[in-house]
Amino acid sequence: EPICATKSQVEVVRATFAKPAPPALFAAAKELKLPEAL
């Protein structure tokens, strides 16, 4: 099954990437404890 973010997960991820120095995908996955594809 596709690994897709829920609405609440979208909000959390986008807040993380809204920082002045956004993280790389793998770093965000590690920080949020979510699959990188999500």
All heavy atoms as atom14 arrays in JSON, in Angstrom:
{
  "sequence": "EPICATKSQVEVVRATFAKPAPPALFAAAKELKLPEAL",
  "atom14_mask": [
    [1, 1, 1, 1, 1, 1, 1, 1, 1, 0, 0, 0, 0, 0],
    [1, 1, 1, 1, 1, 1, 1, 0, 0, 0, 0, 0, 0, 0],
    [1, 1, 1, 1, 1, 1, 1, 1, 0, 0, 0, 0, 0, 0],
    [1, 1, 1, 1, 1, 1, 0, 0, 0, 0, 0, 0, 0, 0],
    [1, 1, 1, 1, 1, 0, 0, 0, 0, 0, 0, 0, 0, 0],
    [1, 1, 1, 1, 1, 1, 1, 0, 0, 0, 0, 0, 0, 0],
    [1, 1, 1, 1, 1, 1, 1, 1, 1, 0, 0, 0, 0, 0],
    [1, 1, 1, 1, 1, 1, 0, 0, 0, 0, 0, 0, 0, 0],
    [1, 1, 1, 1, 1, 1, 1, 1, 1, 0, 0, 0, 0, 0],
    [1, 1, 1, 1, 1, 1, 1, 0, 0, 0, 0, 0, 0, 0],
    [1, 1, 1, 1, 1, 1, 1, 1, 1, 0, 0, 0, 0, 0],
    [1, 1, 1, 1, 1, 1, 1, 0, 0, 0, 0, 0, 0, 0],
    [1, 1, 1, 1, 1, 1, 1, 0, 0, 0, 0, 0, 0, 0],
    [1, 1, 1, 1, 1, 1, 1, 1, 1, 1, 1, 0, 0, 0],
    [1, 1, 1, 1, 1, 0, 0, 0, 0, 0, 0, 0, 0, 0],
    [1, 1, 1, 1, 1, 1, 1, 0, 0, 0, 0, 0, 0, 0],
    [1, 1, 1, 1, 1, 1, 1, 1, 1, 1, 1, 0, 0, 0],
    [1, 1, 1, 1, 1, 0, 0, 0, 0, 0, 0, 0, 0, 0],
    [1, 1, 1, 1, 1, 1, 1, 1, 1, 0, 0, 0, 0, 0],
    [1, 1, 1, 1, 1, 1, 1, 0, 0, 0, 0, 0, 0, 0],
    [1, 1, 1, 1, 1, 0, 0, 0, 0, 0, 0, 0, 0, 0],
    [1, 1, 1, 1, 1, 1, 1, 0, 0, 0, 0, 0, 0, 0],
    [1, 1, 1, 1, 1, 1, 1, 0, 0, 0, 0, 0, 0, 0],
    [1, 1, 1, 1, 1, 0, 0, 0, 0, 0, 0, 0, 0, 0],
    [1, 1, 1, 1, 1, 1, 1, 1, 0, 0, 0, 0, 0, 0],
    [1, 1, 1, 1, 1, 1, 1, 1, 1, 1, 1, 0, 0, 0],
    [1, 1, 1, 1, 1, 0, 0, 0, 0, 0, 0, 0, 0, 0],
    [1, 1, 1, 1, 1, 0, 0, 0, 0, 0, 0, 0, 0, 0],
    [1, 1, 1, 1, 1, 0, 0, 0, 0, 0, 0, 0, 0, 0],
    [1, 1, 1, 1, 1, 1, 1, 1, 1, 0, 0, 0, 0, 0],
    [1, 1, 1, 1, 1, 1, 1, 1, 1, 0, 0, 0, 0, 0],
    [1, 1, 1, 1, 1, 1, 1, 1, 0, 0, 0, 0, 0, 0],
    [1, 1, 1, 1, 1, 1, 1, 1, 1, 0, 0, 0, 0, 0],
    [1, 1, 1, 1, 1, 1, 1, 1, 0, 0, 0, 0, 0, 0],
    [1, 1, 1, 1, 1, 1, 1, 0, 0, 0, 0, 0, 0, 0],
    [1, 1, 1, 1, 1, 1, 1, 1, 1, 0, 0, 0, 0, 0],
    [1, 1, 1, 1, 1, 0, 0, 0, 0, 0, 0, 0, 0, 0],
    [1, 1, 1, 1, 1, 1, 1, 1, 0, 0, 0, 0, 0, 0]
  ],
  "atom14_positions": [
    [[0.84, -1.18, 0.0], [0.0, 0.0, 0.0], [0.89, 1.25, 0.0], [1.95, 1.25, 0.62], [-0.9, 0.0, 1.25], [-1.97, -1.07, 1.23], [-2.98, -0.87, 0.13], [-3.37, 0.29, -0.13], [-3.37, -1.87, -0.5], [0.0, 0.0, 0.0], [0.0, 0.0, 0.0], [0.0, 0.0, 0.0], [0.0, 0.0, 0.0], [0.0, 0.0, 0.0]],
    [[0.47, 2.3, -0.68], [1.26, 3.54, -0.67], [1.41, 4.08, 0.75], [0.51, 3.96, 1.58], [0.42, 4.5, -1.53], [-0.45, 3.63, -2.36], [-0.72, 2.41, -1.53], [0.0, 0.0, 0.0], [0.0, 0.0, 0.0], [0.0, 0.0, 0.0], [0.0, 0.0, 0.0], [0.0, 0.0, 0.0], [0.0, 0.0, 0.0], [0.0, 0.0, 0.0]],
    [[2.57, 4.62, 1.04], [2.82, 5.23, 2.35], [2.57, 6.72, 2.2], [3.4, 7.44, 1.64], [4.26, 4.94, 2.81], [4.45, 3.43, 2.96], [4.56, 5.65, 4.13], [5.86, 3.01, 3.33], [0.0, 0.0, 0.0], [0.0, 0.0, 0.0], [0.0, 0.0, 0.0], [0.0, 0.0, 0.0], [0.0, 0.0, 0.0], [0.0, 0.0, 0.0]],
    [[1.43, 7.17, 2.68], [1.0, 8.56, 2.47], [0.66, 9.23, 3.8], [0.07, 8.61, 4.69], [-0.23, 8.59, 1.56], [0.01, 7.78, -0.04], [0.0, 0.0, 0.0], [0.0, 0.0, 0.0], [0.0, 0.0, 0.0], [0.0, 0.0, 0.0], [0.0, 0.0, 0.0], [0.0, 0.0, 0.0], [0.0, 0.0, 0.0], [0.0, 0.0, 0.0]],
    [[1.0, 10.49, 3.91], [0.77, 11.24, 5.14], [-0.71, 11.57, 5.33], [-1.44, 11.84, 4.38], [1.57, 12.54, 5.11], [0.0, 0.0, 0.0], [0.0, 0.0, 0.0], [0.0, 0.0, 0.0], [0.0, 0.0, 0.0], [0.0, 0.0, 0.0], [0.0, 0.0, 0.0], [0.0, 0.0, 0.0], [0.0, 0.0, 0.0], [0.0, 0.0, 0.0]],
    [[-1.13, 11.54, 6.6], [-2.48, 12.01, 6.94], [-2.45, 13.53, 7.03], [-1.38, 14.16, 6.98], [-2.91, 11.43, 8.3], [-2.01, 11.94, 9.32], [-2.86, 9.91, 8.3], [0.0, 0.0, 0.0], [0.0, 0.0, 0.0], [0.0, 0.0, 0.0], [0.0, 0.0, 0.0], [0.0, 0.0, 0.0], [0.0, 0.0, 0.0], [0.0, 0.0, 0.0]],
    [[-3.61, 14.13, 7.18], [-3.7, 15.59, 7.27], [-2.89, 16.12, 8.44], [-2.17, 17.12, 8.33], [-5.16, 16.03, 7.39], [-5.35, 17.55, 7.38], [-6.81, 17.93, 7.42], [-6.98, 19.44, 7.41], [-8.42, 19.84, 7.45], [0.0, 0.0, 0.0], [0.0, 0.0, 0.0], [0.0, 0.0, 0.0], [0.0, 0.0, 0.0], [0.0, 0.0, 0.0]],
    [[-2.99, 15.45, 9.59], [-2.24, 15.91, 10.77], [-0.75, 15.74, 10.58], [0.06, 16.58, 11.01], [-2.7, 15.15, 12.02], [-2.48, 13.76, 11.88], [0.0, 0.0, 0.0], [0.0, 0.0, 0.0], [0.0, 0.0, 0.0], [0.0, 0.0, 0.0], [0.0, 0.0, 0.0], [0.0, 0.0, 0.0], [0.0, 0.0, 0.0], [0.0, 0.0, 0.0]],
    [[-0.34, 14.67, 9.9], [1.08, 14.46, 9.62], [1.61, 15.51, 8.64], [2.75, 15.96, 8.76], [1.31, 13.05, 9.08], [1.14, 11.98, 10.15], [1.13, 10.58, 9.57], [0.75, 10.36, 8.41], [1.53, 9.6, 10.38], [0.0, 0.0, 0.0], [0.0, 0.0, 0.0], [0.0, 0.0, 0.0], [0.0, 0.0, 0.0], [0.0, 0.0, 0.0]],
    [[0.78, 15.89, 7.67], [1.17, 16.95, 6.74], [1.5, 18.23, 7.49], [2.52, 18.89, 7.23], [0.05, 17.22, 5.71], [0.32, 18.51, 4.93], [-0.08, 16.05, 4.74], [0.0, 0.0, 0.0], [0.0, 0.0, 0.0], [0.0, 0.0, 0.0], [0.0, 0.0, 0.0], [0.0, 0.0, 0.0], [0.0, 0.0, 0.0], [0.0, 0.0, 0.0]],
    [[0.67, 18.57, 8.46], [0.88, 19.81, 9.23], [2.21, 19.74, 10.01], [2.97, 20.72, 10.05], [-0.29, 20.02, 10.18], [-1.6, 20.32, 9.47], [-2.79, 20.37, 10.41], [-2.59, 20.07, 11.62], [-3.91, 20.71, 9.96], [0.0, 0.0, 0.0], [0.0, 0.0, 0.0], [0.0, 0.0, 0.0], [0.0, 0.0, 0.0], [0.0, 0.0, 0.0]],
    [[2.49, 18.59, 10.62], [3.71, 18.44, 11.41], [4.94, 18.51, 10.51], [5.93, 19.2, 10.81], [3.69, 17.09, 12.18], [5.05, 16.83, 12.82], [2.6, 17.1, 13.23], [0.0, 0.0, 0.0], [0.0, 0.0, 0.0], [0.0, 0.0, 0.0], [0.0, 0.0, 0.0], [0.0, 0.0, 0.0], [0.0, 0.0, 0.0], [0.0, 0.0, 0.0]],
    [[4.89, 17.81, 9.38], [6.04, 17.79, 8.46], [6.3, 19.18, 7.89], [7.45, 19.65, 7.85], [5.79, 16.78, 7.33], [6.85, 16.93, 6.23], [5.79, 15.35, 7.87], [0.0, 0.0, 0.0], [0.0, 0.0, 0.0], [0.0, 0.0, 0.0], [0.0, 0.0, 0.0], [0.0, 0.0, 0.0], [0.0, 0.0, 0.0], [0.0, 0.0, 0.0]],
    [[5.26, 19.87, 7.48], [5.46, 21.18, 6.87], [5.97, 22.21, 7.88], [6.73, 23.11, 7.53], [4.17, 21.65, 6.2], [3.81, 20.78, 5.0], [2.77, 21.41, 4.11], [2.49, 20.56, 2.97], [1.68, 20.89, 1.98], [1.09, 22.08, 1.98], [1.48, 20.06, 0.97], [0.0, 0.0, 0.0], [0.0, 0.0, 0.0], [0.0, 0.0, 0.0]],
    [[5.56, 22.05, 9.12], [6.1, 22.94, 10.16], [7.6, 22.71, 10.33], [8.37, 23.65, 10.54], [5.37, 22.7, 11.48], [0.0, 0.0, 0.0], [0.0, 0.0, 0.0], [0.0, 0.0, 0.0], [0.0, 0.0, 0.0], [0.0, 0.0, 0.0], [0.0, 0.0, 0.0], [0.0, 0.0, 0.0], [0.0, 0.0, 0.0], [0.0, 0.0, 0.0]],
    [[8.02, 21.46, 10.21], [9.44, 21.13, 10.32], [10.24, 21.75, 9.18], [11.35, 22.26, 9.38], [9.63, 19.6, 10.33], [8.93, 19.05, 11.45], [11.09, 19.23, 10.42], [0.0, 0.0, 0.0], [0.0, 0.0, 0.0], [0.0, 0.0, 0.0], [0.0, 0.0, 0.0], [0.0, 0.0, 0.0], [0.0, 0.0, 0.0], [0.0, 0.0, 0.0]],
    [[9.67, 21.73, 7.98], [10.37, 22.26, 6.81], [10.2, 23.76, 6.64], [10.8, 24.34, 5.73], [9.91, 21.52, 5.55], [10.57, 20.19, 5.36], [10.09, 19.07, 6.01], [11.68, 20.06, 4.54], [10.7, 17.83, 5.86], [12.31, 18.84, 4.37], [11.82, 17.72, 5.04], [0.0, 0.0, 0.0], [0.0, 0.0, 0.0], [0.0, 0.0, 0.0]],
    [[9.42, 24.38, 7.5], [9.24, 25.83, 7.44], [10.36, 26.57, 8.16], [10.41, 27.81, 8.15], [7.89, 26.22, 8.04], [0.0, 0.0, 0.0], [0.0, 0.0, 0.0], [0.0, 0.0, 0.0], [0.0, 0.0, 0.0], [0.0, 0.0, 0.0], [0.0, 0.0, 0.0], [0.0, 0.0, 0.0], [0.0, 0.0, 0.0], [0.0, 0.0, 0.0]],
    [[11.26, 25.85, 8.79], [12.37, 26.47, 9.52], [13.33, 27.18, 8.55], [13.4, 26.82, 7.38], [13.12, 25.42, 10.33], [12.26, 24.71, 11.38], [13.02, 23.57, 12.03], [12.14, 22.83, 13.04], [12.84, 21.67, 13.66], [0.0, 0.0, 0.0], [0.0, 0.0, 0.0], [0.0, 0.0, 0.0], [0.0, 0.0, 0.0], [0.0, 0.0, 0.0]],
    [[14.08, 28.17, 9.04], [15.04, 28.9, 8.17], [16.04, 27.96, 7.5], [16.44, 28.2, 6.36], [15.73, 29.85, 9.15], [14.75, 30.05, 10.26], [14.03, 28.74, 10.4], [0.0, 0.0, 0.0], [0.0, 0.0, 0.0], [0.0, 0.0, 0.0], [0.0, 0.0, 0.0], [0.0, 0.0, 0.0], [0.0, 0.0, 0.0], [0.0, 0.0, 0.0]],
    [[16.45, 26.91, 8.18], [17.36, 25.91, 7.6], [16.65, 24.55, 7.63], [16.84, 23.76, 8.57], [18.66, 25.85, 8.38], [0.0, 0.0, 0.0], [0.0, 0.0, 0.0], [0.0, 0.0, 0.0], [0.0, 0.0, 0.0], [0.0, 0.0, 0.0], [0.0, 0.0, 0.0], [0.0, 0.0, 0.0], [0.0, 0.0, 0.0], [0.0, 0.0, 0.0]],
    [[15.79, 24.27, 6.64], [15.02, 23.01, 6.66], [15.93, 21.8, 6.59], [17.01, 21.85, 6.01], [14.14, 23.13, 5.4], [14.83, 24.12, 4.53], [15.52, 25.08, 5.45], [0.0, 0.0, 0.0], [0.0, 0.0, 0.0], [0.0, 0.0, 0.0], [0.0, 0.0, 0.0], [0.0, 0.0, 0.0], [0.0, 0.0, 0.0], [0.0, 0.0, 0.0]],
    [[15.51, 20.7, 7.2], [16.35, 19.5, 7.23], [16.3, 18.73, 5.91], [15.42, 18.95, 5.06], [15.71, 18.66, 8.35], [14.26, 19.04, 8.28], [14.23, 20.5, 7.91], [0.0, 0.0, 0.0], [0.0, 0.0, 0.0], [0.0, 0.0, 0.0], [0.0, 0.0, 0.0], [0.0, 0.0, 0.0], [0.0, 0.0, 0.0], [0.0, 0.0, 0.0]],
    [[17.24, 17.82, 5.74], [17.16, 16.86, 4.64], [16.04, 15.87, 4.97], [15.63, 15.74, 6.12], [18.49, 16.14, 4.48], [0.0, 0.0, 0.0], [0.0, 0.0, 0.0], [0.0, 0.0, 0.0], [0.0, 0.0, 0.0], [0.0, 0.0, 0.0], [0.0, 0.0, 0.0], [0.0, 0.0, 0.0], [0.0, 0.0, 0.0], [0.0, 0.0, 0.0]],
    [[15.56, 15.18, 3.95], [14.46, 14.24, 4.17], [14.8, 13.19, 5.22], [14.0, 12.89, 6.11], [14.08, 13.56, 2.85], [13.31, 14.41, 1.83], [13.2, 13.65, 0.51], [11.92, 14.75, 2.36], [0.0, 0.0, 0.0], [0.0, 0.0, 0.0], [0.0, 0.0, 0.0], [0.0, 0.0, 0.0], [0.0, 0.0, 0.0], [0.0, 0.0, 0.0]],
    [[15.99, 12.61, 5.13], [16.35, 11.54, 6.07], [16.44, 12.07, 7.49], [16.1, 11.38, 8.45], [17.65, 10.86, 5.65], [18.91, 11.66, 5.92], [19.56, 11.55, 7.13], [19.41, 12.51, 4.96], [20.71, 12.28, 7.39], [20.57, 13.25, 5.2], [21.22, 13.14, 6.41], [0.0, 0.0, 0.0], [0.0, 0.0, 0.0], [0.0, 0.0, 0.0]],
    [[16.9, 13.33, 7.63], [17.01, 13.92, 8.96], [15.62, 14.19, 9.55], [15.39, 13.99, 10.75], [17.82, 15.21, 8.9], [0.0, 0.0, 0.0], [0.0, 0.0, 0.0], [0.0, 0.0, 0.0], [0.0, 0.0, 0.0], [0.0, 0.0, 0.0], [0.0, 0.0, 0.0], [0.0, 0.0, 0.0], [0.0, 0.0, 0.0], [0.0, 0.0, 0.0]],
    [[14.7, 14.65, 8.71], [13.33, 14.89, 9.17], [12.66, 13.58, 9.58], [11.93, 13.52, 10.57], [12.52, 15.58, 8.08], [0.0, 0.0, 0.0], [0.0, 0.0, 0.0], [0.0, 0.0, 0.0], [0.0, 0.0, 0.0], [0.0, 0.0, 0.0], [0.0, 0.0, 0.0], [0.0, 0.0, 0.0], [0.0, 0.0, 0.0], [0.0, 0.0, 0.0]],
    [[12.9, 12.52, 8.81], [12.34, 11.21, 9.14], [12.84, 10.73, 10.49], [12.08, 10.19, 11.31], [12.7, 10.21, 8.04], [0.0, 0.0, 0.0], [0.0, 0.0, 0.0], [0.0, 0.0, 0.0], [0.0, 0.0, 0.0], [0.0, 0.0, 0.0], [0.0, 0.0, 0.0], [0.0, 0.0, 0.0], [0.0, 0.0, 0.0], [0.0, 0.0, 0.0]],
    [[14.12, 10.94, 10.75], [14.7, 10.52, 12.03], [14.14, 11.36, 13.17], [13.81, 10.83, 14.24], [16.22, 10.66, 11.97], [16.93, 10.16, 13.21], [18.45, 10.23, 13.04], [19.16, 9.71, 14.28], [20.64, 9.77, 14.13], [0.0, 0.0, 0.0], [0.0, 0.0, 0.0], [0.0, 0.0, 0.0], [0.0, 0.0, 0.0], [0.0, 0.0, 0.0]],
    [[14.03, 12.68, 12.94], [13.53, 13.58, 13.98], [12.08, 13.28, 14.34], [11.69, 13.26, 15.52], [13.66, 15.02, 13.51], [13.08, 16.06, 14.48], [13.13, 17.47, 13.92], [13.89, 17.72, 12.96], [12.39, 18.34, 14.44], [0.0, 0.0, 0.0], [0.0, 0.0, 0.0], [0.0, 0.0, 0.0], [0.0, 0.0, 0.0], [0.0, 0.0, 0.0]],
    [[11.25, 13.04, 13.32], [9.81, 12.84, 13.53], [9.44, 11.38, 13.73], [8.28, 11.07, 13.99], [9.04, 13.42, 12.35], [9.21, 14.92, 12.11], [8.47, 15.35, 10.85], [8.73, 15.72, 13.32], [0.0, 0.0, 0.0], [0.0, 0.0, 0.0], [0.0, 0.0, 0.0], [0.0, 0.0, 0.0], [0.0, 0.0, 0.0], [0.0, 0.0, 0.0]],
    [[10.43, 10.49, 13.56], [10.2, 9.05, 13.71], [9.09, 8.57, 12.77], [8.16, 7.85, 13.17], [9.87, 8.71, 15.17], [11.01, 8.99, 16.14], [10.63, 8.65, 17.57], [11.83, 8.78, 18.52], [12.5, 10.09, 18.48], [0.0, 0.0, 0.0], [0.0, 0.0, 0.0], [0.0, 0.0, 0.0], [0.0, 0.0, 0.0], [0.0, 0.0, 0.0]],
    [[9.22, 8.97, 11.51], [8.28, 8.59, 10.47], [9.06, 8.07, 9.26], [10.22, 8.45, 9.06], [7.44, 9.79, 10.03], [6.46, 10.36, 11.06], [5.89, 11.69, 10.57], [5.34, 9.38, 11.36], [0.0, 0.0, 0.0], [0.0, 0.0, 0.0], [0.0, 0.0, 0.0], [0.0, 0.0, 0.0], [0.0, 0.0, 0.0], [0.0, 0.0, 0.0]],
    [[8.45, 7.2, 8.43], [9.14, 6.75, 7.22], [9.47, 7.93, 6.3], [8.68, 8.87, 6.19], [8.12, 5.81, 6.57], [7.21, 5.38, 7.67], [7.13, 6.57, 8.6], [0.0, 0.0, 0.0], [0.0, 0.0, 0.0], [0.0, 0.0, 0.0], [0.0, 0.0, 0.0], [0.0, 0.0, 0.0], [0.0, 0.0, 0.0], [0.0, 0.0, 0.0]],
    [[10.61, 7.86, 5.67], [11.03, 8.98, 4.82], [10.06, 9.21, 3.67], [9.8, 10.35, 3.28], [12.43, 8.73, 4.28], [13.01, 9.92, 3.55], [14.43, 9.7, 3.07], [15.23, 9.11, 3.83], [14.73, 10.11, 1.93], [0.0, 0.0, 0.0], [0.0, 0.0, 0.0], [0.0, 0.0, 0.0], [0.0, 0.0, 0.0], [0.0, 0.0, 0.0]],
    [[9.49, 8.13, 3.11], [8.53, 8.29, 2.01], [7.29, 9.06, 2.48], [6.7, 9.84, 1.73], [8.12, 6.94, 1.44], [0.0, 0.0, 0.0], [0.0, 0.0, 0.0], [0.0, 0.0, 0.0], [0.0, 0.0, 0.0], [0.0, 0.0, 0.0], [0.0, 0.0, 0.0], [0.0, 0.0, 0.0], [0.0, 0.0, 0.0], [0.0, 0.0, 0.0]],
    [[6.89, 8.84, 3.73], [5.75, 9.58, 4.28], [6.09, 11.06, 4.4], [5.25, 11.91, 4.1], [5.36, 8.99, 5.63], [4.08, 9.55, 6.27], [3.38, 8.48, 7.09], [4.38, 10.75, 7.16], [0.0, 0.0, 0.0], [0.0, 0.0, 0.0], [0.0, 0.0, 0.0], [0.0, 0.0, 0.0], [0.0, 0.0, 0.0], [0.0, 0.0, 0.0]]
  ]
}
